[in-house]
């Protein structure tokens, strides 16, 4: 499985992007952002697997405070439409 780092504008890692078993793009969101340039980077703790849109994810690295939005992918949006159509 391929993972890509999802970063704020200042390069701090907020999580990882992957495709799950159904091919849907997910964000594995970290509890705390990771500054890889730090002498001793934080341990990674994943707080959730996100498929839908999440607004205003804030980087909590000291002095950063950048904000990003994770947007639902076309594949996840289609899955949601299919789920609602089945009900």
C-alpha atoms as a PDB file:
ATOM      1  CA  UNK A   1       0.000   0.000   0.000  1.00  0.00           C
ATOM      2  CA  UNK A   2       1.392   3.423  -0.967  1.00  0.00           C
ATOM      3  CA  UNK A   3       1.317   6.305   1.504  1.00  0.00           C
ATOM      4  CA  UNK A   4       1.941   9.984   0.781  1.00  0.00           C
ATOM      5  CA  UNK A   5       2.625  12.560   3.470  1.00  0.00           C
ATOM      6  CA  UNK A   6      -0.035  15.284   3.792  1.00  0.00           C
ATOM      7  CA  UNK A   7       1.647  18.497   4.896  1.00  0.00           C
ATOM      8  CA  UNK A   8       0.856  22.076   5.866  1.00  0.00           C
ATOM      9  CA  UNK A   9       2.405  24.923   3.818  1.00  0.00           C
ATOM     10  CA  UNK A  10       5.404  24.949   6.167  1.00  0.00           C
ATOM     11  CA  UNK A  11       6.190  21.273   5.548  1.00  0.00           C
ATOM     12  CA  UNK A  12       4.924  19.790   8.830  1.00  0.00           C
ATOM     13  CA  UNK A  13       3.255  16.390   8.367  1.00  0.00           C
ATOM     14  CA  UNK A  14      -0.439  16.408   9.359  1.00  0.00           C
ATOM     15  CA  UNK A  15      -1.142  12.853   8.212  1.00  0.00           C
ATOM     16  CA  UNK A  16      -0.798  10.343   5.410  1.00  0.00           C
ATOM     17  CA  UNK A  17      -2.870   9.778   2.274  1.00  0.00           C
ATOM     18  CA  UNK A  18      -3.604   6.266   1.040  1.00  0.00           C
ATOM     19  CA  UNK A  19      -6.132   4.319  -0.999  1.00  0.00           C
ATOM     20  CA  UNK A  20      -8.087   1.766   1.013  1.00  0.00           C
ATOM     21  CA  UNK A  21      -9.038  -1.735  -0.153  1.00  0.00           C
ATOM     22  CA  UNK A  22     -11.916  -0.321  -2.247  1.00  0.00           C
ATOM     23  CA  UNK A  23      -9.598   2.191  -3.939  1.00  0.00           C
ATOM     24  CA  UNK A  24     -11.020   5.183  -2.041  1.00  0.00           C
ATOM     25  CA  UNK A  25      -8.604   7.947  -1.058  1.00  0.00           C
ATOM     26  CA  UNK A  26      -8.342   8.412   2.721  1.00  0.00           C
ATOM     27  CA  UNK A  27      -6.484  10.750   5.043  1.00  0.00           C
ATOM     28  CA  UNK A  28      -4.933   9.096   8.096  1.00  0.00           C
ATOM     29  CA  UNK A  29      -4.979  12.176  10.327  1.00  0.00           C
ATOM     30  CA  UNK A  30      -2.343  12.487  13.057  1.00  0.00           C
ATOM     31  CA  UNK A  31      -3.326  13.621  16.538  1.00  0.00           C
ATOM     32  CA  UNK A  32      -0.341  16.016  16.499  1.00  0.00           C
ATOM     33  CA  UNK A  33       1.519  17.386  13.483  1.00  0.00           C
ATOM     34  CA  UNK A  34       5.068  16.129  13.005  1.00  0.00           C
ATOM     35  CA  UNK A  35       8.030  18.423  12.364  1.00  0.00           C
ATOM     36  CA  UNK A  36      10.517  16.149  10.601  1.00  0.00           C
ATOM     37  CA  UNK A  37      13.239  18.797  10.905  1.00  0.00           C
ATOM     38  CA  UNK A  38      13.054  18.622  14.715  1.00  0.00           C
ATOM     39  CA  UNK A  39      15.899  16.945  16.573  1.00  0.00           C
ATOM     40  CA  UNK A  40      13.457  14.386  17.981  1.00  0.00           C
ATOM     41  CA  UNK A  41      10.185  14.266  15.946  1.00  0.00           C
ATOM     42  CA  UNK A  42       6.927  13.396  17.760  1.00  0.00           C
ATOM     43  CA  UNK A  43       5.643   9.809  17.873  1.00  0.00           C
ATOM     44  CA  UNK A  44       2.833   9.314  15.367  1.00  0.00           C
ATOM     45  CA  UNK A  45      -0.679   8.651  16.689  1.00  0.00           C
ATOM     46  CA  UNK A  46      -3.431   8.331  14.076  1.00  0.00           C
ATOM     47  CA  UNK A  47      -6.763   9.675  15.361  1.00  0.00           C
ATOM     48  CA  UNK A  48      -8.899   8.702  12.378  1.00  0.00           C
ATOM     49  CA  UNK A  49      -9.286   7.532   8.795  1.00  0.00           C
ATOM     50  CA  UNK A  50     -11.075  10.298   6.893  1.00  0.00           C
ATOM     51  CA  UNK A  51     -12.854   9.905   3.552  1.00  0.00           C
ATOM     52  CA  UNK A  52     -15.177  12.939   3.620  1.00  0.00           C
ATOM     53  CA  UNK A  53     -14.386  16.652   3.757  1.00  0.00           C
ATOM     54  CA  UNK A  54     -12.911  18.131   6.939  1.00  0.00           C
ATOM     55  CA  UNK A  55     -12.574  21.901   7.189  1.00  0.00           C
ATOM     56  CA  UNK A  56      -9.796  23.814   8.923  1.00  0.00           C
ATOM     57  CA  UNK A  57      -7.303  21.171  10.042  1.00  0.00           C
ATOM     58  CA  UNK A  58      -4.776  23.240  11.987  1.00  0.00           C
ATOM     59  CA  UNK A  59      -1.064  22.489  12.269  1.00  0.00           C
ATOM     60  CA  UNK A  60      -0.106  22.534  15.938  1.00  0.00           C
ATOM     61  CA  UNK A  61       3.674  22.696  15.546  1.00  0.00           C
ATOM     62  CA  UNK A  62       4.905  25.581  17.695  1.00  0.00           C
ATOM     63  CA  UNK A  63       4.834  28.861  15.745  1.00  0.00           C
ATOM     64  CA  UNK A  64       3.113  27.402  12.665  1.00  0.00           C
ATOM     65  CA  UNK A  65      -0.700  27.552  12.982  1.00  0.00           C
ATOM     66  CA  UNK A  66      -1.275  26.910   9.225  1.00  0.00           C
ATOM     67  CA  UNK A  67      -4.706  25.565   8.229  1.00  0.00           C
ATOM     68  CA  UNK A  68      -5.624  23.053   5.504  1.00  0.00           C
ATOM     69  CA  UNK A  69      -8.873  21.497   4.329  1.00  0.00           C
ATOM     70  CA  UNK A  70      -9.193  17.836   3.358  1.00  0.00           C
ATOM     71  CA  UNK A  71     -11.729  17.555   0.542  1.00  0.00           C
ATOM     72  CA  UNK A  72     -13.752  14.506  -0.341  1.00  0.00           C
ATOM     73  CA  UNK A  73     -12.478  12.745  -3.453  1.00  0.00           C
ATOM     74  CA  UNK A  74     -14.688  11.797  -6.402  1.00  0.00           C
ATOM     75  CA  UNK A  75     -14.416   8.127  -5.445  1.00  0.00           C
ATOM     76  CA  UNK A  76     -15.610   8.742  -1.867  1.00  0.00           C
ATOM     77  CA  UNK A  77     -18.412  11.052  -3.062  1.00  0.00           C
ATOM     78  CA  UNK A  78     -19.638   8.313  -5.413  1.00  0.00           C
ATOM     79  CA  UNK A  79     -19.557   5.807  -2.538  1.00  0.00           C
ATOM     80  CA  UNK A  80     -21.695   8.145  -0.386  1.00  0.00           C
ATOM     81  CA  UNK A  81     -24.217   8.611  -3.224  1.00  0.00           C
ATOM     82  CA  UNK A  82     -24.393   4.827  -3.685  1.00  0.00           C
ATOM     83  CA  UNK A  83     -24.930   4.271   0.039  1.00  0.00           C
ATOM     84  CA  UNK A  84     -27.808   6.780   0.179  1.00  0.00           C
ATOM     85  CA  UNK A  85     -29.391   5.406  -2.997  1.00  0.00           C
ATOM     86  CA  UNK A  86     -29.470   1.921  -1.417  1.00  0.00           C
ATOM     87  CA  UNK A  87     -31.523   3.153   1.567  1.00  0.00           C
END
